Amino acid sequence: MSRRRMLYATQYGAPATGLTPTLTWRSKTNTSPGTTPTVVELSAGSAPGWYYFDESATVDFVVTVDYGSGQPAGERYAMGEYSPNDEAATEARLAKLDTGVPVDSASVAAIADGVWDEPRSGHATSGTFGEGTALTSAGVAAVADGVWDETRSGHTTSGTFGEGVLLGSAAVAAVADGVWDETRSGHATSGTFGEGVLLGTAAVAAVADGVWDESRSGHATSGTFGEGVGLTTAAQTGTAGKVWDAVRADHDTEGTFGESVNLSGSGASAVAQAILDEAIADHTVAGTIGEALLLAAASVGRNVRIYGATQNAKGQLTSATIRVFASSSDAFNNVSPLVTLAMTSTYDTEGNLQTYLSRG
């Protein structure tokens, strides 16, 4: 008597269709129960996942079904134990073979892709995870509003995000210090706030130029810095007049600009004395009055070294290199010259000086 045995196959937990399973069977005494049956798909459309084979064995037997190499590791094989005395073939004890092999990474990735690529519209049942993630733009905006409008005092549990943003004044100051004390070089990712404030010298110069080259007329809103510096000619003249006409005695608070210019009598005398007593060697920047005074001192032979001199047949100096130094110590040790000059001179037949040139 022929009996139909039913099998059920899945792929990633869903009914598997279109498979071509192969069946191996043996009796419990390891003999062949007969011609090996063929496994057939019942109906991919109306009974997805169901397969069957027909047999008429006269002994108890076991089967191993291989659903194919395209199946995930845990769903490729199935096994079953049957008896010709079974009354209900559909109640055959068929169990998937537990190989102990976990789902491979490719299978995990495929499942994850399937979850995230699933249309949200098909999973909107109230109270489900699908509904929870199926937010429209309006829904997202409502959630954001709800988050920012939530009372902070209700979310102070230690270690939570609520506590993390619930900063007191001391914490705010600490965060601010941490932000500004952070090393700039570690935050240069394009498009971030870190990159935005990570200005090099050239960028700083460009920003400064942009600020000062900005048209004043576009920044005249009352109370702004733009309005404050956007003075018309008349306003500038009036402001200048107010500044110069202000009574000095009203602006003598220590440490202010008023105190700095509020000098009279002994104060003015002290400034003059400080200027005249200032060491020439401390003011050597090219183009400054300090440098000019230093060179004037050199012209009378102070802190000057002459070397590489040449003379004519009469022993008269015709060329030399002159170095000018900021201090007598530098001149003595011949280090850190402020300027190096080349000197040349000529004489007439009687030995009188005709030309003298010193340049550097």
Protein backbone atom coordinates (compact mmCIF):
# COMPACT_ATOMS: atom_id res chain seq x y z
CA MET A 1 0.00 0.00 0.00
CA SER A 2 1.39 3.40 -0.97
CA ARG A 3 1.59 6.11 1.67
CA ARG A 4 2.24 9.85 1.18
CA ARG A 5 4.70 11.40 3.59
CA MET A 6 4.67 15.22 3.99
CA LEU A 7 7.72 17.48 4.49
CA TYR A 8 7.93 21.21 5.26
CA ALA A 9 10.86 23.44 4.27
CA THR A 10 11.71 27.01 5.33
CA GLN A 11 14.28 29.58 4.23
CA TYR A 12 15.21 32.26 6.82
CA GLY A 13 12.05 31.26 8.68
CA ALA A 14 9.71 31.73 5.68
CA PRO A 15 8.19 28.95 3.51
CA ALA A 16 10.78 27.79 0.96
CA THR A 17 9.52 27.19 -2.57
CA GLY A 18 11.16 25.99 -5.78
CA LEU A 19 13.59 23.61 -4.05
CA THR A 20 14.78 20.30 -5.52
CA PRO A 21 15.27 18.12 -2.42
CA THR A 22 17.08 14.76 -2.50
CA LEU A 23 16.14 11.92 -0.12
CA THR A 24 18.27 9.19 1.43
CA TRP A 25 16.53 6.36 3.28
CA ARG A 26 17.55 3.20 5.14
CA SER A 27 15.79 0.61 7.26
CA LYS A 28 16.60 0.38 10.94
CA THR A 29 18.73 -2.68 10.13
CA ASN A 30 20.64 -0.65 7.51
CA THR A 31 19.06 -2.27 4.45
CA SER A 32 17.32 -0.57 1.55
CA PRO A 33 13.55 -0.36 2.08
CA GLY A 34 13.09 -0.30 -1.68
CA THR A 35 13.42 2.10 -4.60
CA THR A 36 14.41 5.56 -3.31
CA PRO A 37 11.36 7.88 -3.55
CA THR A 38 11.43 11.26 -5.31
CA VAL A 39 10.59 14.37 -3.28
CA VAL A 40 8.03 16.58 -5.05
CA GLU A 41 6.80 20.11 -4.26
CA LEU A 42 3.11 20.06 -3.38
CA SER A 43 2.17 23.55 -4.67
CA ALA A 44 4.29 26.70 -4.51
CA GLY A 45 1.21 28.85 -4.95
CA SER A 46 -1.43 27.32 -2.68
CA ALA A 47 0.78 25.33 -0.26
CA PRO A 48 4.15 27.09 -0.13
CA GLY A 49 6.87 25.22 1.73
CA TRP A 50 5.20 21.79 1.53
CA TYR A 51 6.85 18.81 -0.21
CA TYR A 52 6.02 15.08 -0.23
CA PHE A 53 7.24 11.66 -1.23
CA ASP A 54 5.27 8.44 -1.77
CA GLU A 55 6.52 5.11 -0.38
CA SER A 56 5.26 1.57 0.18
CA ALA A 57 7.97 0.16 2.44
CA THR A 58 7.18 -2.87 4.55
CA VAL A 59 9.73 -2.13 7.28
CA ASP A 60 10.39 0.77 9.65
CA PHE A 61 12.82 3.28 8.08
CA VAL A 62 14.50 6.64 8.54
CA VAL A 63 15.07 9.39 5.96
CA THR A 64 17.43 12.33 5.56
CA VAL A 65 16.27 15.11 3.24
CA ASP A 66 18.78 17.56 1.68
CA TYR A 67 16.98 20.72 0.51
CA GLY A 68 20.05 21.96 -1.41
CA SER A 69 23.22 24.03 -0.99
CA GLY A 70 21.27 27.27 -1.47
CA GLN A 71 19.62 26.83 1.93
CA PRO A 72 20.92 28.52 5.13
CA ALA A 73 23.04 26.22 7.26
CA GLY A 74 20.35 25.51 9.86
CA GLU A 75 17.58 24.87 7.30
CA ARG A 76 19.27 22.64 4.70
CA TYR A 77 18.62 19.20 6.20
CA ALA A 78 15.61 17.42 7.72
CA MET A 79 15.19 13.91 9.10
CA GLY A 80 12.30 11.60 9.86
CA GLU A 81 11.43 8.16 11.23
CA TYR A 82 8.51 6.20 9.72
CA SER A 83 6.67 2.89 10.06
CA PRO A 84 4.34 1.09 7.63
CA ASN A 85 1.95 0.88 10.57
CA ASP A 86 1.50 4.67 10.82
CA GLU A 87 -2.21 5.48 10.51
CA ALA A 88 -1.72 9.14 9.72
CA ALA A 89 1.13 9.87 7.40
CA THR A 90 0.68 13.61 7.95
CA GLU A 91 1.63 13.14 11.63
CA ALA A 92 5.07 11.70 10.80
CA ARG A 93 7.71 12.73 13.24
CA LEU A 94 9.81 14.94 11.04
CA ALA A 95 12.31 17.28 12.64
CA LYS A 96 14.93 19.55 11.20
CA LEU A 97 18.44 18.28 11.67
CA ASP A 98 20.19 20.43 14.31
CA THR A 99 23.74 20.72 13.00
CA GLY A 100 24.87 23.07 15.76
CA VAL A 101 26.11 25.55 13.08
CA PRO A 102 24.92 29.15 13.67
CA VAL A 103 23.48 31.27 10.93
CA ASP A 104 26.41 32.60 8.84
CA SER A 105 27.17 36.32 8.48
CA ALA A 106 25.75 36.43 4.96
CA SER A 107 22.43 35.10 6.27
CA VAL A 108 22.40 37.63 9.11
CA ALA A 109 23.07 40.44 6.64
CA ALA A 110 20.28 39.21 4.37
CA ILE A 111 17.79 39.11 7.27
CA ALA A 112 18.81 42.61 8.38
CA ASP A 113 18.42 43.93 4.84
CA GLY A 114 15.01 42.32 4.60
CA VAL A 115 13.85 43.97 7.83
CA TRP A 116 15.04 47.49 6.93
CA ASP A 117 13.94 47.26 3.28
CA GLU A 118 10.40 46.23 4.27
CA PRO A 119 7.82 48.93 3.28
CA ARG A 120 6.68 50.83 6.39
CA SER A 121 3.15 51.12 5.04
CA GLY A 122 2.51 47.41 5.56
CA HIS A 123 3.33 47.51 9.27
CA ALA A 124 1.26 50.24 10.89
CA THR A 125 -0.78 48.24 13.43
CA SER A 126 -1.18 50.33 16.57
CA GLY A 127 1.21 49.37 19.34
CA THR A 128 3.64 47.38 17.17
CA PHE A 129 7.31 48.13 16.49
CA GLY A 130 6.38 48.72 12.86
CA GLU A 131 4.00 51.51 13.82
CA GLY A 132 6.61 52.96 16.16
CA THR A 133 9.18 53.40 13.38
CA ALA A 134 6.73 54.36 10.62
CA LEU A 135 6.94 58.10 11.25
CA THR A 136 6.10 60.62 8.57
CA SER A 137 7.79 64.03 8.42
CA ALA A 138 4.99 65.45 10.55
CA GLY A 139 5.41 62.60 13.02
CA VAL A 140 9.16 63.15 13.25
CA ALA A 141 8.58 66.88 13.85
CA ALA A 142 6.03 66.08 16.58
CA VAL A 143 8.49 63.74 18.30
CA ALA A 144 11.25 66.37 18.13
CA ASP A 145 8.89 69.00 19.56
CA GLY A 146 7.89 66.60 22.32
CA VAL A 147 11.52 65.94 23.23
CA TRP A 148 12.52 69.62 23.41
CA ASP A 149 9.31 70.70 25.16
CA GLU A 150 9.61 67.99 27.84
CA THR A 151 10.13 69.34 31.37
CA ARG A 152 13.75 68.74 32.36
CA SER A 153 12.98 68.27 36.05
CA GLY A 154 11.23 64.98 35.33
CA HIS A 155 14.32 63.35 33.83
CA THR A 156 17.18 63.48 36.32
CA THR A 157 17.97 59.78 36.84
CA SER A 158 21.73 59.31 37.10
CA GLY A 159 23.34 58.01 33.92
CA THR A 160 20.41 58.83 31.61
CA PHE A 161 20.39 61.18 28.62
CA GLY A 162 17.97 63.38 30.54
CA GLU A 163 20.46 63.87 33.35
CA GLY A 164 23.21 64.44 30.78
CA VAL A 165 21.56 67.54 29.34
CA LEU A 166 20.27 68.82 32.70
CA LEU A 167 23.28 71.00 33.41
CA GLY A 168 23.53 73.48 36.25
CA SER A 169 25.55 76.66 35.88
CA ALA A 170 28.76 75.01 37.15
CA ALA A 171 28.36 72.13 34.71
CA VAL A 172 27.61 74.54 31.87
CA ALA A 173 30.82 76.41 32.66
CA ALA A 174 32.76 73.13 32.77
CA VAL A 175 31.33 72.05 29.42
CA ALA A 176 32.13 75.44 27.90
CA ASP A 177 35.70 75.21 29.22
CA GLY A 178 35.99 71.70 27.83
CA VAL A 179 34.78 72.81 24.41
CA TRP A 180 37.15 75.78 24.10
CA ASP A 181 40.10 73.93 25.63
CA GLU A 182 39.69 71.03 23.19
CA THR A 183 42.59 70.59 20.78
CA ARG A 184 41.51 71.98 17.40
CA SER A 185 43.60 69.51 15.38
CA GLY A 186 41.41 66.61 16.51
CA HIS A 187 38.23 68.08 15.06
CA ALA A 188 38.80 68.82 11.38
CA THR A 189 36.21 66.57 9.69
CA SER A 190 34.72 68.37 6.71
CA GLY A 191 31.30 69.87 7.37
CA THR A 192 31.49 69.76 11.18
CA PHE A 193 31.40 72.64 13.66
CA GLY A 194 35.00 71.76 14.57
CA GLU A 195 36.15 72.35 11.01
CA GLY A 196 34.11 75.55 10.92
CA VAL A 197 36.08 77.16 13.73
CA LEU A 198 39.42 75.57 12.76
CA LEU A 199 40.70 78.61 10.89
CA GLY A 200 44.28 78.78 9.73
CA THR A 201 46.18 82.06 9.49
CA ALA A 202 45.00 82.60 5.91
CA ALA A 203 41.38 81.89 6.84
CA VAL A 204 41.52 84.24 9.83
CA ALA A 205 42.92 86.97 7.60
CA ALA A 206 40.17 86.31 5.04
CA VAL A 207 37.47 86.55 7.73
CA ALA A 208 38.96 89.78 9.06
CA ASP A 209 39.06 91.22 5.55
CA GLY A 210 35.47 90.14 5.00
CA VAL A 211 34.34 91.85 8.22
CA TRP A 212 36.04 95.18 7.52
CA ASP A 213 35.20 95.18 3.79
CA GLU A 214 31.49 94.57 4.50
CA SER A 215 29.23 97.44 3.45
CA ARG A 216 28.16 99.41 6.56
CA SER A 217 24.76 100.23 5.06
CA GLY A 218 23.65 96.61 5.31
CA HIS A 219 24.23 96.40 9.05
CA ALA A 220 22.40 99.25 10.73
CA THR A 221 19.95 97.42 13.01
CA SER A 222 19.56 99.34 16.26
CA GLY A 223 21.58 97.92 19.12
CA THR A 224 23.91 95.75 16.99
CA PHE A 225 27.67 95.98 16.60
CA GLY A 226 27.07 96.91 12.95
CA GLU A 227 25.08 99.96 13.98
CA GLY A 228 27.70 100.83 16.56
CA VAL A 229 30.51 101.14 14.01
CA GLY A 230 28.35 102.22 11.08
CA LEU A 231 28.67 105.94 11.75
CA THR A 232 28.07 108.53 9.05
CA THR A 233 30.61 111.29 8.52
CA ALA A 234 28.56 113.65 10.67
CA ALA A 235 28.23 111.07 13.40
CA GLN A 236 31.93 110.32 13.25
CA THR A 237 32.75 114.03 13.56
CA GLY A 238 30.34 114.40 16.45
CA THR A 239 31.74 111.36 18.19
CA ALA A 240 35.31 112.54 17.74
CA GLY A 241 34.35 115.93 19.17
CA LYS A 242 32.75 114.30 22.20
CA VAL A 243 35.85 112.20 22.78
CA TRP A 244 38.28 115.11 22.64
CA ASP A 245 36.01 117.46 24.57
CA ALA A 246 35.45 115.03 27.45
CA VAL A 247 36.81 116.22 30.79
CA ARG A 248 39.90 114.18 31.60
CA ALA A 249 39.21 114.20 35.33
CA ASP A 250 36.00 112.21 34.71
CA HIS A 251 37.91 109.30 33.18
CA ASP A 252 40.79 108.43 35.48
CA THR A 253 39.76 104.94 36.68
CA GLU A 254 42.87 102.80 36.98
CA GLY A 255 43.36 100.38 34.10
CA THR A 256 41.08 102.19 31.63
CA PHE A 257 41.95 103.90 28.35
CA GLY A 258 40.93 107.16 29.99
CA GLU A 259 43.56 106.76 32.67
CA SER A 260 46.18 105.94 30.02
CA VAL A 261 45.75 109.28 28.24
CA ASN A 262 44.87 111.29 31.37
CA LEU A 263 48.45 112.42 32.00
CA SER A 264 49.43 115.82 33.35
CA GLY A 265 52.33 117.35 35.22
CA SER A 266 54.37 114.64 36.89
CA GLY A 267 52.61 111.91 34.88
CA ALA A 268 53.60 113.40 31.55
CA SER A 269 57.11 114.01 32.86
CA ALA A 270 57.36 110.37 33.97
CA VAL A 271 56.35 109.16 30.50
CA ALA A 272 58.97 111.43 28.90
CA GLN A 273 61.63 110.15 31.29
CA ALA A 274 60.67 106.53 30.59
CA ILE A 275 60.93 107.11 26.83
CA LEU A 276 64.34 108.77 27.08
CA ASP A 277 65.67 106.17 29.54
CA GLU A 278 64.52 103.19 27.41
CA ALA A 279 67.37 100.95 26.25
CA ILE A 280 68.05 101.43 22.51
CA ALA A 281 68.92 97.73 22.20
CA ASP A 282 65.33 96.76 23.04
CA HIS A 283 63.87 98.58 20.03
CA THR A 284 65.42 97.27 16.84
CA VAL A 285 62.39 96.52 14.64
CA ALA A 286 63.12 97.59 11.06
CA GLY A 287 61.48 100.86 10.09
CA THR A 288 60.79 102.06 13.64
CA ILE A 289 62.04 105.16 15.43
CA GLY A 290 63.99 102.88 17.75
CA GLU A 291 65.95 101.40 14.83
CA ALA A 292 66.63 104.90 13.46
CA LEU A 293 68.09 106.01 16.78
CA LEU A 294 70.22 102.87 16.91
CA LEU A 295 71.66 103.56 13.45
CA ALA A 296 72.29 107.17 14.46
CA ALA A 297 74.33 105.88 17.37
CA ALA A 298 76.23 103.62 14.98
CA SER A 299 77.08 106.65 12.80
CA VAL A 300 79.26 108.00 15.58
CA GLY A 301 81.02 104.65 15.99
CA ARG A 302 78.99 103.11 18.82
CA ASN A 303 78.65 99.29 18.80
CA VAL A 304 80.19 99.03 15.31
CA ARG A 305 82.63 96.41 13.98
CA ILE A 306 84.63 96.91 10.75
CA TYR A 307 86.28 93.94 9.03
CA GLY A 308 87.45 92.82 5.60
CA ALA A 309 89.16 96.19 5.02
CA THR A 310 91.30 96.93 1.92
CA GLN A 311 93.77 99.79 1.37
CA ASN A 312 95.43 101.41 -1.62
CA ALA A 313 99.19 101.82 -2.08
CA LYS A 314 99.18 104.78 0.25
CA GLY A 315 97.49 102.77 3.01
CA GLN A 316 94.18 104.58 2.64
CA LEU A 317 90.98 102.63 3.35
CA THR A 318 89.17 101.82 0.07
CA SER A 319 86.58 99.20 1.13
CA ALA A 320 85.31 97.35 4.18
CA THR A 321 82.29 95.58 5.69
CA ILE A 322 80.62 97.36 8.61
CA ARG A 323 78.34 95.62 11.11
CA VAL A 324 76.09 97.52 13.56
CA PHE A 325 75.04 95.82 16.81
CA ALA A 326 72.35 96.49 19.43
CA SER A 327 74.74 96.20 22.35
CA SER A 328 78.43 96.38 23.12
CA SER A 329 78.31 92.69 24.12
CA ASP A 330 76.98 91.69 20.70
CA ALA A 331 79.61 93.88 19.04
CA PHE A 332 82.42 92.36 21.10
CA ASN A 333 81.28 88.78 20.33
CA ASN A 334 80.37 89.62 16.72
CA VAL A 335 76.86 88.07 17.04
CA SER A 336 73.35 89.13 16.00
CA PRO A 337 74.20 92.20 13.89
CA LEU A 338 71.25 94.51 13.26
CA VAL A 339 72.54 95.60 9.87
CA THR A 340 75.55 94.87 7.66
CA LEU A 341 76.85 97.67 5.43
CA ALA A 342 79.31 97.65 2.51
CA MET A 343 81.66 100.68 2.48
CA THR A 344 83.73 101.99 -0.44
CA SER A 345 85.82 105.19 -0.85
CA THR A 346 87.99 106.87 -3.51
CA TYR A 347 90.80 109.44 -3.41
CA ASP A 348 92.41 111.93 -5.84
CA THR A 349 96.07 111.86 -6.88
CA GLU A 350 97.01 113.93 -3.91
CA GLY A 351 95.37 111.47 -1.49
CA ASN A 352 92.33 113.57 -0.68
CA LEU A 353 89.01 111.72 -0.06
CA GLN A 354 86.72 112.09 -3.05
CA THR A 355 83.82 109.69 -2.43
CA TYR A 356 82.53 107.68 0.52
CA LEU A 357 79.60 105.22 0.19
CA SER A 358 78.10 103.05 2.91
CA ARG A 359 75.03 100.99 2.03
CA GLY A 360 73.23 97.84 3.13
